[in-house]
Amino acid sequence: MNPIFAENVQILQQGVTLLESISNERYKQKHEVLASSIGEHFRHIIEHYEMFWNGVSAGHIDYDKRNRNPLLETDRLFAITTLKHYVSQFLTKSIEPKSLTISQNYNPTEKVPITLSHTNRELLFLLSHTVHHYAIISILVKLNGGSVPDGFGYSAATLFAKMERKS
């Protein structure tokens, strides 16, 4: 398996493991410190994977076309099923590394920028983006008195560096 696919599978499976360990109430609960819920962060992550898979075959990924599906942020079991679907995509489909274009507008008053990218670069972006949101999710879980699996919310490079320092 493509190593970048394998890393995306691993990170998505981390999300499944975490979601299987919390209640739906905790999933939906907003914490006043961050004004967001675990579910809102998972919806955001999942919809970036959706945009990747929807756009990669066409050669253009538009990260602004997310549906912002409220079910993904309120129904933990639906989020688990959706994460497992994207795990399955990585396990059963292959993507030839290729150039593509990306659009994502950070300033709605400006024209939407379209930039060149590559499938592997976007897969690395998804990893980094997911780890970033997992770090926030980790805080939310802990603020609500829960715990997260070891390594959750850390990039593989950070975990490796921590191990290197210990030895």
N, C-alpha and C. Protein backbone atom coordinates (compact mmCIF):
# COMPACT_ATOMS: atom_id res chain seq x y z
N MET A 1 0.84 -1.19 0.00
CA MET A 1 0.00 0.00 0.00
C MET A 1 0.88 1.24 0.00
N ASN A 2 0.44 2.23 -0.73
CA ASN A 2 1.10 3.53 -0.76
C ASN A 2 1.27 4.02 0.68
N PRO A 3 2.50 4.38 1.10
CA PRO A 3 2.73 4.81 2.48
C PRO A 3 1.87 6.00 2.92
N ILE A 4 1.59 6.92 2.00
CA ILE A 4 0.75 8.07 2.37
C ILE A 4 -0.69 7.61 2.57
N PHE A 5 -1.14 6.62 1.78
CA PHE A 5 -2.46 6.03 2.01
C PHE A 5 -2.49 5.39 3.40
N ALA A 6 -1.43 4.63 3.71
CA ALA A 6 -1.38 3.92 4.99
C ALA A 6 -1.44 4.90 6.17
N GLU A 7 -0.75 6.03 6.05
CA GLU A 7 -0.79 7.01 7.14
C GLU A 7 -2.17 7.63 7.28
N ASN A 8 -2.86 7.88 6.15
CA ASN A 8 -4.22 8.40 6.23
C ASN A 8 -5.16 7.36 6.84
N VAL A 9 -4.98 6.10 6.50
CA VAL A 9 -5.78 5.03 7.12
C VAL A 9 -5.57 5.04 8.62
N GLN A 10 -4.30 5.09 9.03
CA GLN A 10 -3.99 5.06 10.46
C GLN A 10 -4.62 6.23 11.20
N ILE A 11 -4.54 7.44 10.64
CA ILE A 11 -5.07 8.61 11.33
C ILE A 11 -6.59 8.55 11.41
N LEU A 12 -7.23 8.07 10.34
CA LEU A 12 -8.70 7.95 10.37
C LEU A 12 -9.12 6.87 11.37
N GLN A 13 -8.37 5.79 11.45
CA GLN A 13 -8.69 4.74 12.43
C GLN A 13 -8.52 5.24 13.86
N GLN A 14 -7.56 6.15 14.08
CA GLN A 14 -7.42 6.77 15.40
C GLN A 14 -8.71 7.50 15.77
N GLY A 15 -9.29 8.17 14.80
CA GLY A 15 -10.55 8.88 15.04
C GLY A 15 -11.67 7.93 15.38
N VAL A 16 -11.75 6.81 14.66
CA VAL A 16 -12.77 5.80 14.95
C VAL A 16 -12.61 5.30 16.38
N THR A 17 -11.38 4.98 16.76
CA THR A 17 -11.11 4.47 18.12
C THR A 17 -11.55 5.48 19.17
N LEU A 18 -11.22 6.74 18.97
CA LEU A 18 -11.64 7.75 19.94
C LEU A 18 -13.16 7.84 20.00
N LEU A 19 -13.81 7.91 18.84
CA LEU A 19 -15.26 8.07 18.83
C LEU A 19 -15.98 6.87 19.44
N GLU A 20 -15.39 5.70 19.33
CA GLU A 20 -16.00 4.52 19.95
C GLU A 20 -15.89 4.55 21.47
N SER A 21 -15.04 5.46 21.99
CA SER A 21 -14.82 5.51 23.43
C SER A 21 -15.61 6.61 24.14
N ILE A 22 -16.33 7.44 23.38
CA ILE A 22 -17.07 8.53 24.01
C ILE A 22 -18.56 8.40 23.70
N SER A 23 -19.37 9.10 24.47
CA SER A 23 -20.82 9.08 24.27
C SER A 23 -21.22 10.08 23.19
N ASN A 24 -22.42 9.90 22.67
CA ASN A 24 -22.94 10.85 21.69
C ASN A 24 -23.15 12.22 22.34
N GLU A 25 -23.51 12.23 23.62
CA GLU A 25 -23.68 13.51 24.32
C GLU A 25 -22.36 14.27 24.38
N ARG A 26 -21.29 13.57 24.73
CA ARG A 26 -19.98 14.22 24.77
C ARG A 26 -19.56 14.68 23.38
N TYR A 27 -19.90 13.91 22.36
CA TYR A 27 -19.58 14.24 20.98
C TYR A 27 -20.20 15.57 20.57
N LYS A 28 -21.44 15.82 20.98
CA LYS A 28 -22.18 17.02 20.59
C LYS A 28 -21.94 18.21 21.50
N GLN A 29 -21.46 17.96 22.70
CA GLN A 29 -21.34 19.01 23.71
C GLN A 29 -20.32 20.07 23.32
N LYS A 30 -20.75 21.32 23.40
CA LYS A 30 -19.83 22.44 23.17
C LYS A 30 -19.23 22.82 24.51
N HIS A 31 -17.94 23.08 24.49
CA HIS A 31 -17.27 23.51 25.71
C HIS A 31 -17.04 25.01 25.60
N GLU A 32 -17.37 25.72 26.69
CA GLU A 32 -17.28 27.19 26.65
C GLU A 32 -15.87 27.70 26.41
N VAL A 33 -14.85 26.94 26.76
CA VAL A 33 -13.48 27.39 26.57
C VAL A 33 -13.15 27.54 25.08
N LEU A 34 -13.59 26.59 24.26
CA LEU A 34 -13.27 26.63 22.83
C LEU A 34 -14.48 26.95 21.96
N ALA A 35 -15.67 26.98 22.53
CA ALA A 35 -16.91 27.29 21.80
C ALA A 35 -17.13 26.37 20.60
N SER A 36 -16.66 25.15 20.70
CA SER A 36 -16.89 24.17 19.63
C SER A 36 -17.05 22.80 20.26
N SER A 37 -17.56 21.89 19.45
CA SER A 37 -17.76 20.52 19.92
C SER A 37 -16.79 19.57 19.22
N ILE A 38 -16.62 18.41 19.80
CA ILE A 38 -15.83 17.35 19.16
C ILE A 38 -16.44 17.06 17.80
N GLY A 39 -17.76 16.99 17.75
CA GLY A 39 -18.45 16.69 16.50
C GLY A 39 -18.20 17.71 15.40
N GLU A 40 -18.13 18.98 15.77
CA GLU A 40 -17.86 20.01 14.76
C GLU A 40 -16.48 19.81 14.14
N HIS A 41 -15.52 19.43 14.96
CA HIS A 41 -14.17 19.20 14.42
C HIS A 41 -14.13 17.95 13.56
N PHE A 42 -14.82 16.89 13.97
CA PHE A 42 -14.85 15.69 13.13
C PHE A 42 -15.57 15.95 11.81
N ARG A 43 -16.65 16.72 11.84
CA ARG A 43 -17.34 17.05 10.58
C ARG A 43 -16.37 17.76 9.64
N HIS A 44 -15.64 18.71 10.17
CA HIS A 44 -14.69 19.48 9.36
C HIS A 44 -13.63 18.56 8.74
N ILE A 45 -13.08 17.67 9.54
CA ILE A 45 -12.08 16.70 9.05
C ILE A 45 -12.67 15.82 7.96
N ILE A 46 -13.81 15.21 8.26
CA ILE A 46 -14.44 14.27 7.34
C ILE A 46 -14.76 14.94 6.01
N GLU A 47 -15.27 16.16 6.07
CA GLU A 47 -15.64 16.82 4.82
C GLU A 47 -14.43 17.19 3.97
N HIS A 48 -13.27 17.36 4.56
CA HIS A 48 -12.07 17.57 3.75
C HIS A 48 -11.71 16.27 3.02
N TYR A 49 -11.86 15.13 3.68
CA TYR A 49 -11.63 13.86 2.99
C TYR A 49 -12.65 13.67 1.87
N GLU A 50 -13.89 14.04 2.14
CA GLU A 50 -14.94 13.93 1.11
C GLU A 50 -14.57 14.76 -0.11
N MET A 51 -14.11 16.00 0.10
CA MET A 51 -13.75 16.87 -1.02
C MET A 51 -12.56 16.30 -1.79
N PHE A 52 -11.60 15.71 -1.05
CA PHE A 52 -10.47 15.07 -1.72
C PHE A 52 -10.96 13.97 -2.66
N TRP A 53 -11.75 13.04 -2.12
CA TRP A 53 -12.20 11.91 -2.93
C TRP A 53 -13.13 12.35 -4.05
N ASN A 54 -13.95 13.36 -3.81
CA ASN A 54 -14.84 13.85 -4.87
C ASN A 54 -14.07 14.53 -5.99
N GLY A 55 -12.97 15.19 -5.67
CA GLY A 55 -12.28 15.98 -6.67
C GLY A 55 -11.10 15.34 -7.34
N VAL A 56 -10.52 14.33 -6.71
CA VAL A 56 -9.26 13.80 -7.23
C VAL A 56 -9.41 13.21 -8.63
N SER A 57 -10.51 12.53 -8.91
CA SER A 57 -10.65 11.93 -10.24
C SER A 57 -10.85 12.99 -11.31
N ALA A 58 -11.46 14.12 -10.95
CA ALA A 58 -11.67 15.22 -11.90
C ALA A 58 -10.43 16.08 -12.06
N GLY A 59 -9.47 15.91 -11.15
CA GLY A 59 -8.24 16.70 -11.23
C GLY A 59 -8.35 18.06 -10.57
N HIS A 60 -9.46 18.31 -9.84
CA HIS A 60 -9.63 19.58 -9.14
C HIS A 60 -10.36 19.33 -7.82
N ILE A 61 -9.76 19.79 -6.73
CA ILE A 61 -10.36 19.66 -5.40
C ILE A 61 -10.76 21.05 -4.94
N ASP A 62 -12.04 21.20 -4.60
CA ASP A 62 -12.55 22.47 -4.10
C ASP A 62 -12.95 22.27 -2.64
N TYR A 63 -12.07 22.68 -1.73
CA TYR A 63 -12.33 22.48 -0.31
C TYR A 63 -13.45 23.38 0.22
N ASP A 64 -13.91 24.34 -0.58
CA ASP A 64 -15.01 25.21 -0.15
C ASP A 64 -16.38 24.59 -0.40
N LYS A 65 -16.45 23.52 -1.15
CA LYS A 65 -17.75 22.92 -1.50
C LYS A 65 -18.26 21.95 -0.44
N ARG A 66 -17.72 22.06 0.75
CA ARG A 66 -18.17 21.17 1.83
C ARG A 66 -19.64 21.38 2.13
N ASN A 67 -20.33 20.31 2.46
CA ASN A 67 -21.77 20.36 2.74
C ASN A 67 -22.09 20.90 4.13
N ARG A 68 -21.13 20.83 5.02
CA ARG A 68 -21.34 21.21 6.42
C ARG A 68 -22.55 20.47 6.98
N ASN A 69 -22.51 19.16 6.81
CA ASN A 69 -23.61 18.27 7.19
C ASN A 69 -23.78 18.24 8.71
N PRO A 70 -24.90 18.75 9.22
CA PRO A 70 -25.08 18.77 10.68
C PRO A 70 -25.12 17.37 11.31
N LEU A 71 -25.50 16.37 10.53
CA LEU A 71 -25.53 15.01 11.05
C LEU A 71 -24.13 14.53 11.44
N LEU A 72 -23.12 14.95 10.68
CA LEU A 72 -21.75 14.56 11.00
C LEU A 72 -21.28 15.14 12.32
N GLU A 73 -21.83 16.27 12.73
CA GLU A 73 -21.37 16.87 13.98
C GLU A 73 -22.28 16.57 15.16
N THR A 74 -23.41 15.88 14.91
CA THR A 74 -24.32 15.56 16.02
C THR A 74 -24.54 14.07 16.22
N ASP A 75 -24.20 13.26 15.23
CA ASP A 75 -24.44 11.82 15.31
C ASP A 75 -23.09 11.08 15.23
N ARG A 76 -22.59 10.71 16.39
CA ARG A 76 -21.28 10.06 16.51
C ARG A 76 -21.22 8.77 15.68
N LEU A 77 -22.28 7.99 15.67
CA LEU A 77 -22.28 6.73 14.91
C LEU A 77 -22.20 6.99 13.41
N PHE A 78 -22.87 8.05 12.95
CA PHE A 78 -22.78 8.42 11.54
C PHE A 78 -21.35 8.85 11.20
N ALA A 79 -20.72 9.58 12.10
CA ALA A 79 -19.33 9.99 11.88
C ALA A 79 -18.41 8.77 11.82
N ILE A 80 -18.62 7.81 12.72
CA ILE A 80 -17.81 6.58 12.71
C ILE A 80 -17.98 5.86 11.38
N THR A 81 -19.22 5.70 10.94
CA THR A 81 -19.49 5.02 9.66
C THR A 81 -18.81 5.75 8.51
N THR A 82 -18.86 7.07 8.53
CA THR A 82 -18.25 7.85 7.46
C THR A 82 -16.73 7.75 7.49
N LEU A 83 -16.14 7.80 8.68
CA LEU A 83 -14.68 7.61 8.78
C LEU A 83 -14.28 6.24 8.24
N LYS A 84 -15.05 5.22 8.60
CA LYS A 84 -14.76 3.86 8.11
C LYS A 84 -14.89 3.77 6.59
N HIS A 85 -15.82 4.53 6.03
CA HIS A 85 -15.98 4.57 4.58
C HIS A 85 -14.70 5.10 3.92
N TYR A 86 -14.14 6.17 4.49
CA TYR A 86 -12.91 6.73 3.90
C TYR A 86 -11.70 5.83 4.14
N VAL A 87 -11.67 5.11 5.25
CA VAL A 87 -10.65 4.08 5.45
C VAL A 87 -10.75 3.06 4.32
N SER A 88 -11.97 2.61 4.05
CA SER A 88 -12.20 1.64 2.98
C SER A 88 -11.76 2.18 1.62
N GLN A 89 -12.01 3.46 1.36
CA GLN A 89 -11.57 4.07 0.10
C GLN A 89 -10.06 3.91 -0.06
N PHE A 90 -9.33 4.22 1.01
CA PHE A 90 -7.87 4.11 0.94
C PHE A 90 -7.40 2.66 0.79
N LEU A 91 -8.15 1.74 1.36
CA LEU A 91 -7.76 0.33 1.30
C LEU A 91 -8.11 -0.33 -0.03
N THR A 92 -9.12 0.19 -0.73
CA THR A 92 -9.60 -0.50 -1.93
C THR A 92 -9.36 0.24 -3.23
N LYS A 93 -9.07 1.51 -3.17
CA LYS A 93 -8.87 2.28 -4.40
C LYS A 93 -7.40 2.67 -4.53
N SER A 94 -7.01 2.89 -5.76
CA SER A 94 -5.66 3.40 -5.97
C SER A 94 -5.76 4.70 -6.75
N ILE A 95 -4.85 5.56 -6.48
CA ILE A 95 -4.78 6.85 -7.17
C ILE A 95 -3.38 6.97 -7.72
N GLU A 96 -3.32 7.18 -9.00
CA GLU A 96 -2.02 7.44 -9.59
C GLU A 96 -1.57 8.83 -9.16
N PRO A 97 -0.34 8.97 -8.68
CA PRO A 97 0.14 10.30 -8.34
C PRO A 97 0.05 11.21 -9.56
N LYS A 98 -0.58 12.36 -9.38
CA LYS A 98 -0.73 13.27 -10.51
C LYS A 98 -0.90 14.71 -10.03
N SER A 99 -0.65 15.62 -10.94
CA SER A 99 -0.89 17.03 -10.67
C SER A 99 -2.39 17.28 -10.71
N LEU A 100 -2.81 18.26 -9.92
CA LEU A 100 -4.20 18.69 -9.93
C LEU A 100 -4.28 20.12 -9.46
N THR A 101 -5.47 20.69 -9.50
CA THR A 101 -5.65 22.05 -9.01
C THR A 101 -6.51 22.02 -7.75
N ILE A 102 -6.31 23.04 -6.94
CA ILE A 102 -6.99 23.17 -5.66
C ILE A 102 -7.61 24.56 -5.60
N SER A 103 -8.81 24.63 -5.04
CA SER A 103 -9.34 25.95 -4.71
C SER A 103 -9.82 25.93 -3.27
N GLN A 104 -9.49 26.98 -2.59
CA GLN A 104 -9.91 27.17 -1.20
C GLN A 104 -9.78 28.65 -0.92
N ASN A 105 -10.91 29.27 -0.59
CA ASN A 105 -10.93 30.72 -0.43
C ASN A 105 -10.85 31.10 1.04
N TYR A 106 -9.79 31.78 1.40
CA TYR A 106 -9.62 32.24 2.77
C TYR A 106 -10.17 33.64 2.98
N ASN A 107 -10.50 34.31 1.89
CA ASN A 107 -11.03 35.67 1.99
C ASN A 107 -12.21 35.81 1.03
N PRO A 108 -13.43 35.73 1.54
CA PRO A 108 -14.61 35.75 0.67
C PRO A 108 -14.78 37.04 -0.14
N THR A 109 -14.05 38.09 0.21
CA THR A 109 -14.15 39.33 -0.57
C THR A 109 -13.24 39.31 -1.80
N GLU A 110 -12.41 38.29 -1.89
CA GLU A 110 -11.49 38.16 -3.03
C GLU A 110 -11.93 37.02 -3.94
N LYS A 111 -11.42 37.03 -5.16
CA LYS A 111 -11.65 35.95 -6.11
C LYS A 111 -11.05 34.66 -5.55
N VAL A 112 -11.74 33.55 -5.74
CA VAL A 112 -11.26 32.26 -5.24
C VAL A 112 -9.97 31.88 -5.95
N PRO A 113 -8.89 31.71 -5.18
CA PRO A 113 -7.63 31.33 -5.82
C PRO A 113 -7.64 29.85 -6.24
N ILE A 114 -7.07 29.61 -7.38
CA ILE A 114 -6.88 28.24 -7.85
C ILE A 114 -5.38 28.04 -7.97
N THR A 115 -4.90 26.98 -7.33
CA THR A 115 -3.46 26.76 -7.32
C THR A 115 -3.13 25.34 -7.74
N LEU A 116 -1.93 25.15 -8.23
CA LEU A 116 -1.47 23.82 -8.62
C LEU A 116 -1.07 23.03 -7.38
N SER A 117 -1.32 21.75 -7.42
CA SER A 117 -0.91 20.87 -6.34
C SER A 117 -0.67 19.49 -6.93
N HIS A 118 -0.63 18.52 -6.06
CA HIS A 118 -0.36 17.13 -6.45
C HIS A 118 -1.12 16.23 -5.49
N THR A 119 -1.53 15.09 -5.96
CA THR A 119 -2.29 14.18 -5.10
C THR A 119 -1.53 13.88 -3.81
N ASN A 120 -0.24 13.60 -3.92
CA ASN A 120 0.53 13.29 -2.70
C ASN A 120 0.60 14.48 -1.76
N ARG A 121 0.71 15.68 -2.30
CA ARG A 121 0.73 16.88 -1.45
C ARG A 121 -0.59 17.03 -0.71
N GLU A 122 -1.68 16.77 -1.39
CA GLU A 122 -3.00 16.90 -0.75
C GLU A 122 -3.21 15.81 0.30
N LEU A 123 -2.67 14.64 0.07
CA LEU A 123 -2.75 13.58 1.09
C LEU A 123 -1.95 13.95 2.33
N LEU A 124 -0.80 14.61 2.12
CA LEU A 124 -0.02 15.10 3.25
C LEU A 124 -0.76 16.23 3.97
N PHE A 125 -1.42 17.10 3.19
CA PHE A 125 -2.23 18.16 3.79
C PHE A 125 -3.33 17.55 4.67
N LEU A 126 -4.01 16.53 4.16
CA LEU A 126 -5.08 15.90 4.95
C LEU A 126 -4.55 15.35 6.27
N LEU A 127 -3.38 14.75 6.23
CA LEU A 127 -2.76 14.25 7.47
C LEU A 127 -2.51 15.38 8.45
N SER A 128 -1.86 16.43 7.98
CA SER A 128 -1.52 17.56 8.84
C SER A 128 -2.78 18.24 9.38
N HIS A 129 -3.73 18.44 8.53
CA HIS A 129 -4.99 19.07 8.90
C HIS A 129 -5.71 18.24 9.96
N THR A 130 -5.74 16.93 9.77
CA THR A 130 -6.41 16.04 10.72
C THR A 130 -5.71 16.05 12.06
N VAL A 131 -4.38 15.97 12.07
CA VAL A 131 -3.63 16.01 13.33
C VAL A 131 -3.91 17.32 14.06
N HIS A 132 -3.95 18.41 13.34
CA HIS A 132 -4.24 19.71 13.95
C HIS A 132 -5.60 19.68 14.66
N HIS A 133 -6.60 19.17 13.99
CA HIS A 133 -7.93 19.11 14.61
C HIS A 133 -7.99 18.06 15.71
N TYR A 134 -7.26 16.97 15.57
CA TYR A 134 -7.21 15.99 16.65
C TYR A 134 -6.62 16.61 17.92
N ALA A 135 -5.63 17.50 17.77
CA ALA A 135 -5.06 18.15 18.94
C ALA A 135 -6.13 18.98 19.66
N ILE A 136 -6.97 19.66 18.90
CA ILE A 136 -8.07 20.43 19.50
C ILE A 136 -9.09 19.49 20.13
N ILE A 137 -9.41 18.41 19.43
CA ILE A 137 -10.36 17.41 19.96
C ILE A 137 -9.83 16.83 21.26
N SER A 138 -8.53 16.58 21.31
CA SER A 138 -7.90 16.05 22.53
C SER A 138 -8.15 16.99 23.71
N ILE A 139 -8.00 18.28 23.48
CA ILE A 139 -8.26 19.26 24.53
C ILE A 139 -9.72 19.20 24.96
N LEU A 140 -10.63 19.15 24.00
CA LEU A 140 -12.06 19.08 24.32
C LEU A 140 -12.40 17.84 25.14
N VAL A 141 -11.84 16.70 24.75
CA VAL A 141 -12.09 15.46 25.49
C VAL A 141 -11.59 15.60 26.92
N LYS A 142 -10.39 16.12 27.08
CA LYS A 142 -9.80 16.26 28.41
C LYS A 142 -10.53 17.29 29.26
N LEU A 143 -10.99 18.39 28.64
CA LEU A 143 -11.76 19.39 29.39
C LEU A 143 -13.06 18.80 29.95
N ASN A 144 -13.57 17.79 29.25
CA ASN A 144 -14.79 17.14 29.70
C ASN A 144 -14.51 15.94 30.59
N GLY A 145 -13.27 15.81 31.07
CA GLY A 145 -12.93 14.74 32.00
C GLY A 145 -12.56 13.42 31.37
N GLY A 146 -12.42 13.38 30.06
CA GLY A 146 -12.08 12.13 29.38
C GLY A 146 -10.59 11.99 29.12
N SER A 147 -10.24 10.93 28.44
CA SER A 147 -8.85 10.70 28.06
C SER A 147 -8.81 10.28 26.59
N VAL A 148 -7.66 10.45 26.00
CA VAL A 148 -7.47 10.07 24.60
C VAL A 148 -6.37 9.02 24.52
N PRO A 149 -6.38 8.21 23.45
CA PRO A 149 -5.31 7.23 23.28
C PRO A 149 -3.94 7.90 23.19
N ASP A 150 -2.91 7.20 23.61
CA ASP A 150 -1.53 7.72 23.49
C ASP A 150 -1.26 8.11 22.05
N GLY A 151 -0.68 9.26 21.86
CA GLY A 151 -0.30 9.71 20.53
C GLY A 151 -1.39 10.44 19.78
N PHE A 152 -2.61 10.45 20.30
CA PHE A 152 -3.71 11.11 19.60
C PHE A 152 -3.46 12.62 19.59
N GLY A 153 -3.53 13.22 18.41
CA GLY A 153 -3.31 14.67 18.29
C GLY A 153 -1.86 15.04 18.05
N TYR A 154 -1.03 14.05 17.81
CA TYR A 154 0.39 14.29 17.52
C TYR A 154 0.73 13.71 16.15
N SER A 155 1.57 14.39 15.42
CA SER A 155 2.02 13.85 14.14
C SER A 155 3.00 12.71 14.41
N ALA A 156 3.14 11.85 13.42
CA ALA A 156 4.09 10.74 13.54
C ALA A 156 5.51 11.28 13.76
N ALA A 157 5.85 12.39 13.11
CA ALA A 157 7.18 12.97 13.26
C ALA A 157 7.42 13.44 14.70
N THR A 158 6.41 14.03 15.32
CA THR A 158 6.54 14.48 16.70
C THR A 158 6.72 13.30 17.64
N LEU A 159 5.93 12.25 17.44
CA LEU A 159 6.05 11.05 18.28
C LEU A 159 7.43 10.42 18.12
N PHE A 160 7.93 10.38 16.90
CA PHE A 160 9.26 9.83 16.64
C PHE A 160 10.32 10.66 17.36
N ALA A 161 10.20 11.98 17.27
CA ALA A 161 11.17 12.86 17.92
C ALA A 161 11.14 12.68 19.44
N LYS A 162 9.96 12.49 19.99
CA LYS A 162 9.85 12.27 21.44
C LYS A 162 10.53 10.96 21.84
N MET A 163 10.38 9.93 21.02
CA MET A 163 11.03 8.64 21.31
C MET A 163 12.55 8.78 21.20
N GLU A 164 13.01 9.53 20.22
CA GLU A 164 14.44 9.73 20.02
C GLU A 164 15.06 10.44 21.24
N ARG A 165 14.35 11.42 21.79
CA ARG A 165 14.87 12.15 22.94
C ARG A 165 14.95 11.26 24.18
N LYS A 166 14.06 10.28 24.28
CA LYS A 166 14.06 9.39 25.45
C LYS A 166 15.21 8.39 25.38
N SER A 167 15.65 8.06 24.18
CA SER A 167 16.71 7.03 24.08
C SER A 167 18.10 7.59 24.12
